[in-house]
Protein backbone atom coordinates (compact mmCIF):
# COMPACT_ATOMS: atom_id res chain seq x y z
CA UNK A 1 0.00 0.00 0.00
CA UNK A 2 1.31 3.46 -0.87
CA UNK A 3 0.51 6.47 1.28
CA UNK A 4 1.76 10.03 1.58
CA UNK A 5 3.36 10.56 4.96
CA UNK A 6 4.53 14.05 5.90
CA UNK A 7 5.04 15.05 2.26
CA UNK A 8 6.74 11.90 0.93
CA UNK A 9 5.42 8.69 -0.56
CA UNK A 10 5.86 5.64 1.67
CA UNK A 11 5.08 2.02 0.90
CA UNK A 12 3.96 -0.43 3.54
CA UNK A 13 3.42 -4.18 2.96
CA UNK A 14 -0.14 -4.39 4.34
CA UNK A 15 -3.10 -4.53 1.96
CA UNK A 16 -5.48 -3.21 4.63
CA UNK A 17 -4.87 -1.79 8.08
CA UNK A 18 -6.63 0.27 10.76
CA UNK A 19 -5.59 3.93 10.92
CA UNK A 20 -4.39 3.54 14.53
CA UNK A 21 -2.16 0.58 13.56
CA UNK A 22 -0.85 2.44 10.51
CA UNK A 23 0.21 5.42 12.62
CA UNK A 24 1.89 3.12 15.14
CA UNK A 25 3.74 1.29 12.35
CA UNK A 26 5.04 4.63 11.04
CA UNK A 27 6.03 5.82 14.53
CA UNK A 28 3.55 8.69 14.29
CA UNK A 29 1.74 9.65 17.51
CA UNK A 30 -2.00 9.85 16.84
CA UNK A 31 -2.13 13.11 18.81
CA UNK A 32 0.13 14.88 16.32
CA UNK A 33 -0.96 13.52 12.95
CA UNK A 34 -4.16 13.62 10.90
CA UNK A 35 -5.10 10.96 8.36
CA UNK A 36 -6.90 12.33 5.31
CA UNK A 37 -8.86 10.42 2.67
CA UNK A 38 -7.84 12.40 -0.42
CA UNK A 39 -10.65 10.99 -2.57
CA UNK A 40 -13.38 12.25 -0.25
CA UNK A 41 -11.51 15.12 1.42
CA UNK A 42 -12.36 13.80 4.88
CA UNK A 43 -10.44 13.05 8.05
CA UNK A 44 -10.31 9.41 9.08
CA UNK A 45 -10.76 8.28 12.67
CA UNK A 46 -8.40 5.79 14.30
CA UNK A 47 -10.88 2.91 14.00
CA UNK A 48 -11.29 3.23 10.21
CA UNK A 49 -9.69 0.64 7.95
CA UNK A 50 -7.69 1.80 4.93
CA UNK A 51 -6.95 -0.57 2.09
CA UNK A 52 -4.85 -0.94 -1.03
CA UNK A 53 -5.96 1.62 -3.60
CA UNK A 54 -7.18 4.23 -1.10
CA UNK A 55 -5.52 7.63 -1.53
CA UNK A 56 -4.36 8.49 1.99
CA UNK A 57 -2.23 11.34 3.30
CA UNK A 58 -0.90 11.60 6.83
CA UNK A 59 -0.24 15.19 7.87
CA UNK A 60 1.44 16.61 10.93
CA UNK A 61 -0.65 18.88 13.14
CA UNK A 62 2.48 20.64 14.41
CA UNK A 63 3.95 23.72 12.81
CA UNK A 64 7.70 24.14 13.11
CA UNK A 65 7.69 27.72 11.81
PDB file of N, CA and C in Angstrom:
ATOM      1  N   UNK A   1       0.842  -1.167   0.000  1.00  0.00           N
ATOM      2  CA  UNK A   1       0.000   0.000   0.000  1.00  0.00           C
ATOM      3  C   UNK A   1       0.895   1.240   0.000  1.00  0.00           C
ATOM      4  N   UNK A   2       0.569   2.199  -0.829  1.00  0.00           N
ATOM      5  CA  UNK A   2       1.312   3.457  -0.872  1.00  0.00           C
ATOM      6  C   UNK A   2       0.489   4.549  -0.215  1.00  0.00           C
ATOM      7  N   UNK A   3       1.153   5.339   0.614  1.00  0.00           N
ATOM      8  CA  UNK A   3       0.513   6.471   1.277  1.00  0.00           C
ATOM      9  C   UNK A   3       1.450   7.664   1.205  1.00  0.00           C
ATOM     10  N   UNK A   4       0.924   8.838   1.471  1.00  0.00           N
ATOM     11  CA  UNK A   4       1.758  10.031   1.576  1.00  0.00           C
ATOM     12  C   UNK A   4       1.875  10.336   3.063  1.00  0.00           C
ATOM     13  N   UNK A   5       3.104  10.332   3.540  1.00  0.00           N
ATOM     14  CA  UNK A   5       3.362  10.561   4.963  1.00  0.00           C
ATOM     15  C   UNK A   5       4.290  11.752   5.102  1.00  0.00           C
ATOM     16  N   UNK A   6       3.754  12.833   5.649  1.00  0.00           N
ATOM     17  CA  UNK A   6       4.530  14.047   5.896  1.00  0.00           C
ATOM     18  C   UNK A   6       5.245  14.532   4.637  1.00  0.00           C
ATOM     19  N   UNK A   7       4.514  14.488   3.498  1.00  0.00           N
ATOM     20  CA  UNK A   7       5.035  15.048   2.255  1.00  0.00           C
ATOM     21  C   UNK A   7       5.809  14.089   1.363  1.00  0.00           C
ATOM     22  N   UNK A   8       6.017  12.846   1.789  1.00  0.00           N
ATOM     23  CA  UNK A   8       6.742  11.904   0.934  1.00  0.00           C
ATOM     24  C   UNK A   8       5.954  10.612   0.791  1.00  0.00           C
ATOM     25  N   UNK A   9       6.129   9.945  -0.342  1.00  0.00           N
ATOM     26  CA  UNK A   9       5.423   8.693  -0.563  1.00  0.00           C
ATOM     27  C   UNK A   9       6.125   7.554   0.166  1.00  0.00           C
ATOM     28  N   UNK A  10       5.345   6.763   0.891  1.00  0.00           N
ATOM     29  CA  UNK A  10       5.862   5.641   1.675  1.00  0.00           C
ATOM     30  C   UNK A  10       5.070   4.396   1.280  1.00  0.00           C
ATOM     31  N   UNK A  11       5.763   3.273   1.188  1.00  0.00           N
ATOM     32  CA  UNK A  11       5.075   2.021   0.895  1.00  0.00           C
ATOM     33  C   UNK A  11       5.144   1.114   2.113  1.00  0.00           C
ATOM     34  N   UNK A  12       3.995   0.536   2.456  1.00  0.00           N
ATOM     35  CA  UNK A  12       3.955  -0.434   3.545  1.00  0.00           C
ATOM     36  C   UNK A  12       3.413  -1.746   2.967  1.00  0.00           C
ATOM     37  N   UNK A  13       3.793  -2.892   3.548  1.00  0.00           N
ATOM     38  CA  UNK A  13       3.418  -4.178   2.960  1.00  0.00           C
ATOM     39  C   UNK A  13       1.953  -4.585   3.143  1.00  0.00           C
ATOM     40  N   UNK A  14       1.239  -3.992   4.080  1.00  0.00           N
ATOM     41  CA  UNK A  14      -0.143  -4.388   4.337  1.00  0.00           C
ATOM     42  C   UNK A  14      -1.063  -4.003   3.188  1.00  0.00           C
ATOM     43  N   UNK A  15      -2.098  -4.825   2.970  1.00  0.00           N
ATOM     44  CA  UNK A  15      -3.104  -4.525   1.957  1.00  0.00           C
ATOM     45  C   UNK A  15      -4.302  -3.811   2.572  1.00  0.00           C
ATOM     46  N   UNK A  16      -4.501  -3.999   3.884  1.00  0.00           N
ATOM     47  CA  UNK A  16      -5.482  -3.207   4.631  1.00  0.00           C
ATOM     48  C   UNK A  16      -5.040  -3.157   6.086  1.00  0.00           C
ATOM     49  N   UNK A  17      -5.341  -2.016   6.726  1.00  0.00           N
ATOM     50  CA  UNK A  17      -4.867  -1.787   8.083  1.00  0.00           C
ATOM     51  C   UNK A  17      -5.718  -0.698   8.729  1.00  0.00           C
ATOM     52  N   UNK A  18      -5.919  -0.789  10.025  1.00  0.00           N
ATOM     53  CA  UNK A  18      -6.629   0.275  10.756  1.00  0.00           C
ATOM     54  C   UNK A  18      -5.722   1.502  10.854  1.00  0.00           C
ATOM     55  N   UNK A  19      -6.338   2.667  10.849  1.00  0.00           N
ATOM     56  CA  UNK A  19      -5.594   3.926  10.921  1.00  0.00           C
ATOM     57  C   UNK A  19      -4.683   3.947  12.147  1.00  0.00           C
ATOM     58  N   UNK A  20      -5.184   3.525  13.293  1.00  0.00           N
ATOM     59  CA  UNK A  20      -4.389   3.538  14.527  1.00  0.00           C
ATOM     60  C   UNK A  20      -3.139   2.664  14.372  1.00  0.00           C
ATOM     61  N   UNK A  21      -3.288   1.482  13.769  1.00  0.00           N
ATOM     62  CA  UNK A  21      -2.159   0.577  13.563  1.00  0.00           C
ATOM     63  C   UNK A  21      -1.173   1.148  12.543  1.00  0.00           C
ATOM     64  N   UNK A  22      -1.702   1.811  11.520  1.00  0.00           N
ATOM     65  CA  UNK A  22      -0.850   2.436  10.505  1.00  0.00           C
ATOM     66  C   UNK A  22       0.035   3.509  11.139  1.00  0.00           C
ATOM     67  N   UNK A  23      -0.562   4.365  11.954  1.00  0.00           N
ATOM     68  CA  UNK A  23       0.211   5.416  12.617  1.00  0.00           C
ATOM     69  C   UNK A  23       1.287   4.816  13.521  1.00  0.00           C
ATOM     70  N   UNK A  24       0.921   3.776  14.255  1.00  0.00           N
ATOM     71  CA  UNK A  24       1.886   3.120  15.137  1.00  0.00           C
ATOM     72  C   UNK A  24       3.045   2.535  14.332  1.00  0.00           C
ATOM     73  N   UNK A  25       2.730   1.884  13.212  1.00  0.00           N
ATOM     74  CA  UNK A  25       3.745   1.285  12.352  1.00  0.00           C
ATOM     75  C   UNK A  25       4.728   2.348  11.828  1.00  0.00           C
ATOM     76  N   UNK A  26       4.205   3.545  11.564  1.00  0.00           N
ATOM     77  CA  UNK A  26       5.042   4.632  11.044  1.00  0.00           C
ATOM     78  C   UNK A  26       5.739   5.414  12.158  1.00  0.00           C
ATOM     79  N   UNK A  27       5.431   5.093  13.412  1.00  0.00           N
ATOM     80  CA  UNK A  27       6.027   5.815  14.535  1.00  0.00           C
ATOM     81  C   UNK A  27       5.451   7.209  14.691  1.00  0.00           C
ATOM     82  N   UNK A  28       4.209   7.383  14.252  1.00  0.00           N
ATOM     83  CA  UNK A  28       3.546   8.687  14.295  1.00  0.00           C
ATOM     84  C   UNK A  28       2.505   8.685  15.413  1.00  0.00           C
ATOM     85  N   UNK A  29       2.675   9.546  16.397  1.00  0.00           N
ATOM     86  CA  UNK A  29       1.742   9.647  17.513  1.00  0.00           C
ATOM     87  C   UNK A  29       0.402  10.176  17.004  1.00  0.00           C
ATOM     88  N   UNK A  30      -0.671   9.465  17.330  1.00  0.00           N
ATOM     89  CA  UNK A  30      -1.996   9.849  16.836  1.00  0.00           C
ATOM     90  C   UNK A  30      -2.448  11.226  17.311  1.00  0.00           C
ATOM     91  N   UNK A  31      -1.801  11.769  18.335  1.00  0.00           N
ATOM     92  CA  UNK A  31      -2.134  13.114  18.805  1.00  0.00           C
ATOM     93  C   UNK A  31      -1.572  14.204  17.892  1.00  0.00           C
ATOM     94  N   UNK A  32      -0.561  13.869  17.109  1.00  0.00           N
ATOM     95  CA  UNK A  32       0.131  14.880  16.321  1.00  0.00           C
ATOM     96  C   UNK A  32       0.009  14.706  14.819  1.00  0.00           C
ATOM     97  N   UNK A  33      -0.793  13.742  14.376  1.00  0.00           N
ATOM     98  CA  UNK A  33      -0.961  13.516  12.946  1.00  0.00           C
ATOM     99  C   UNK A  33      -2.425  13.306  12.603  1.00  0.00           C
ATOM    100  N   UNK A  34      -2.822  13.812  11.435  1.00  0.00           N
ATOM    101  CA  UNK A  34      -4.164  13.618  10.903  1.00  0.00           C
ATOM    102  C   UNK A  34      -4.061  12.700   9.696  1.00  0.00           C
ATOM    103  N   UNK A  35      -5.063  11.852   9.519  1.00  0.00           N
ATOM    104  CA  UNK A  35      -5.102  10.964   8.357  1.00  0.00           C
ATOM    105  C   UNK A  35      -6.260  11.427   7.476  1.00  0.00           C
ATOM    106  N   UNK A  36      -5.933  11.751   6.227  1.00  0.00           N
ATOM    107  CA  UNK A  36      -6.904  12.334   5.308  1.00  0.00           C
ATOM    108  C   UNK A  36      -7.169  11.384   4.148  1.00  0.00           C
ATOM    109  N   UNK A  37      -8.437  11.163   3.865  1.00  0.00           N
ATOM    110  CA  UNK A  37      -8.857  10.424   2.674  1.00  0.00           C
ATOM    111  C   UNK A  37      -8.900  11.458   1.551  1.00  0.00           C
ATOM    112  N   UNK A  38      -7.949  11.390   0.635  1.00  0.00           N
ATOM    113  CA  UNK A  38      -7.841  12.399  -0.417  1.00  0.00           C
ATOM    114  C   UNK A  38      -8.971  12.325  -1.434  1.00  0.00           C
ATOM    115  N   UNK A  39      -9.544  11.153  -1.616  1.00  0.00           N
ATOM    116  CA  UNK A  39     -10.654  10.991  -2.567  1.00  0.00           C
ATOM    117  C   UNK A  39     -11.898  11.745  -2.088  1.00  0.00           C
ATOM    118  N   UNK A  40     -12.170  11.658  -0.806  1.00  0.00           N
ATOM    119  CA  UNK A  40     -13.383  12.254  -0.249  1.00  0.00           C
ATOM    120  C   UNK A  40     -13.124  13.574   0.477  1.00  0.00           C
ATOM    121  N   UNK A  41     -11.847  13.881   0.716  1.00  0.00           N
ATOM    122  CA  UNK A  41     -11.515  15.118   1.417  1.00  0.00           C
ATOM    123  C   UNK A  41     -11.953  15.102   2.868  1.00  0.00           C
ATOM    124  N   UNK A  42     -11.897  13.919   3.503  1.00  0.00           N
ATOM    125  CA  UNK A  42     -12.359  13.796   4.883  1.00  0.00           C
ATOM    126  C   UNK A  42     -11.266  13.235   5.781  1.00  0.00           C
ATOM    127  N   UNK A  43     -11.344  13.621   7.053  1.00  0.00           N
ATOM    128  CA  UNK A  43     -10.436  13.050   8.050  1.00  0.00           C
ATOM    129  C   UNK A  43     -10.921  11.661   8.431  1.00  0.00           C
ATOM    130  N   UNK A  44      -9.975  10.768   8.682  1.00  0.00           N
ATOM    131  CA  UNK A  44     -10.311   9.411   9.081  1.00  0.00           C
ATOM    132  C   UNK A  44     -10.032   9.226  10.561  1.00  0.00           C
ATOM    133  N   UNK A  45     -10.943   8.575  11.249  1.00  0.00           N
ATOM    134  CA  UNK A  45     -10.764   8.284  12.670  1.00  0.00           C
ATOM    135  C   UNK A  45      -9.873   7.058  12.832  1.00  0.00           C
ATOM    136  N   UNK A  46      -9.354   6.869  14.035  1.00  0.00           N
ATOM    137  CA  UNK A  46      -8.404   5.786  14.301  1.00  0.00           C
ATOM    138  C   UNK A  46      -8.970   4.389  14.098  1.00  0.00           C
ATOM    139  N   UNK A  47     -10.279   4.236  14.159  1.00  0.00           N
ATOM    140  CA  UNK A  47     -10.879   2.912  14.002  1.00  0.00           C
ATOM    141  C   UNK A  47     -11.181   2.543  12.548  1.00  0.00           C
ATOM    142  N   UNK A  48     -11.022   3.489  11.631  1.00  0.00           N
ATOM    143  CA  UNK A  48     -11.285   3.225  10.210  1.00  0.00           C
ATOM    144  C   UNK A  48     -10.210   2.320   9.616  1.00  0.00           C
ATOM    145  N   UNK A  49     -10.610   1.518   8.654  1.00  0.00           N
ATOM    146  CA  UNK A  49      -9.685   0.639   7.950  1.00  0.00           C
ATOM    147  C   UNK A  49      -9.383   1.258   6.590  1.00  0.00           C
ATOM    148  N   UNK A  50      -8.102   1.353   6.259  1.00  0.00           N
ATOM    149  CA  UNK A  50      -7.695   1.800   4.929  1.00  0.00           C
ATOM    150  C   UNK A  50      -7.163   0.581   4.184  1.00  0.00           C
ATOM    151  N   UNK A  51      -7.350   0.591   2.862  1.00  0.00           N
ATOM    152  CA  UNK A  51      -6.949  -0.572   2.088  1.00  0.00           C
ATOM    153  C   UNK A  51      -6.206  -0.162   0.827  1.00  0.00           C
ATOM    154  N   UNK A  52      -5.574  -1.142   0.220  1.00  0.00           N
ATOM    155  CA  UNK A  52      -4.846  -0.941  -1.026  1.00  0.00           C
ATOM    156  C   UNK A  52      -5.741  -0.198  -2.018  1.00  0.00           C
ATOM    157  N   UNK A  53      -5.202   0.836  -2.633  1.00  0.00           N
ATOM    158  CA  UNK A  53      -5.963   1.617  -3.603  1.00  0.00           C
ATOM    159  C   UNK A  53      -6.545   2.901  -3.042  1.00  0.00           C
ATOM    160  N   UNK A  54      -6.705   2.995  -1.711  1.00  0.00           N
ATOM    161  CA  UNK A  54      -7.181   4.234  -1.096  1.00  0.00           C
ATOM    162  C   UNK A  54      -6.088   5.293  -1.227  1.00  0.00           C
ATOM    163  N   UNK A  55      -6.489   6.527  -1.459  1.00  0.00           N
ATOM    164  CA  UNK A  55      -5.521   7.631  -1.526  1.00  0.00           C
ATOM    165  C   UNK A  55      -5.513   8.305  -0.163  1.00  0.00           C
ATOM    166  N   UNK A  56      -4.446   8.045   0.603  1.00  0.00           N
ATOM    167  CA  UNK A  56      -4.360   8.490   1.990  1.00  0.00           C
ATOM    168  C   UNK A  56      -3.147   9.400   2.172  1.00  0.00           C
ATOM    169  N   UNK A  57      -3.348  10.470   2.917  1.00  0.00           N
ATOM    170  CA  UNK A  57      -2.233  11.341   3.297  1.00  0.00           C
ATOM    171  C   UNK A  57      -2.242  11.501   4.805  1.00  0.00           C
ATOM    172  N   UNK A  58      -1.057  11.400   5.396  1.00  0.00           N
ATOM    173  CA  UNK A  58      -0.897  11.602   6.830  1.00  0.00           C
ATOM    174  C   UNK A  58      -0.153  12.918   7.008  1.00  0.00           C
ATOM    175  N   UNK A  59      -0.796  13.840   7.709  1.00  0.00           N
ATOM    176  CA  UNK A  59      -0.237  15.191   7.871  1.00  0.00           C
ATOM    177  C   UNK A  59       0.018  15.494   9.341  1.00  0.00           C
ATOM    178  N   UNK A  60       1.110  16.193   9.585  1.00  0.00           N
ATOM    179  CA  UNK A  60       1.444  16.608  10.934  1.00  0.00           C
ATOM    180  C   UNK A  60       0.538  17.763  11.353  1.00  0.00           C
ATOM    181  N   UNK A  61       0.150  17.775  12.619  1.00  0.00           N
ATOM    182  CA  UNK A  61      -0.650  18.877  13.144  1.00  0.00           C
ATOM    183  C   UNK A  61       0.235  19.950  13.760  1.00  0.00           C
ATOM    184  N   UNK A  62       1.541  19.697  13.804  1.00  0.00           N
ATOM    185  CA  UNK A  62       2.476  20.643  14.406  1.00  0.00           C
ATOM    186  C   UNK A  62       3.095  21.537  13.349  1.00  0.00           C
ATOM    187  N   UNK A  63       3.280  22.778  13.690  1.00  0.00           N
ATOM    188  CA  UNK A  63       3.950  23.721  12.810  1.00  0.00           C
ATOM    189  C   UNK A  63       5.318  24.050  13.414  1.00  0.00           C
ATOM    190  N   UNK A  64       6.347  23.899  12.619  1.00  0.00           N
ATOM    191  CA  UNK A  64       7.701  24.138  13.108  1.00  0.00           C
ATOM    192  C   UNK A  64       8.211  25.528  12.741  1.00  0.00           C
ATOM    193  N   UNK A  65       7.310  26.388  12.259  1.00  0.00           N
ATOM    194  CA  UNK A  65       7.690  27.715  11.805  1.00  0.00           C
ATOM    195  C   UNK A  65       7.926  28.628  12.909  1.00  0.00           C
TER     196      UNK A  65
END
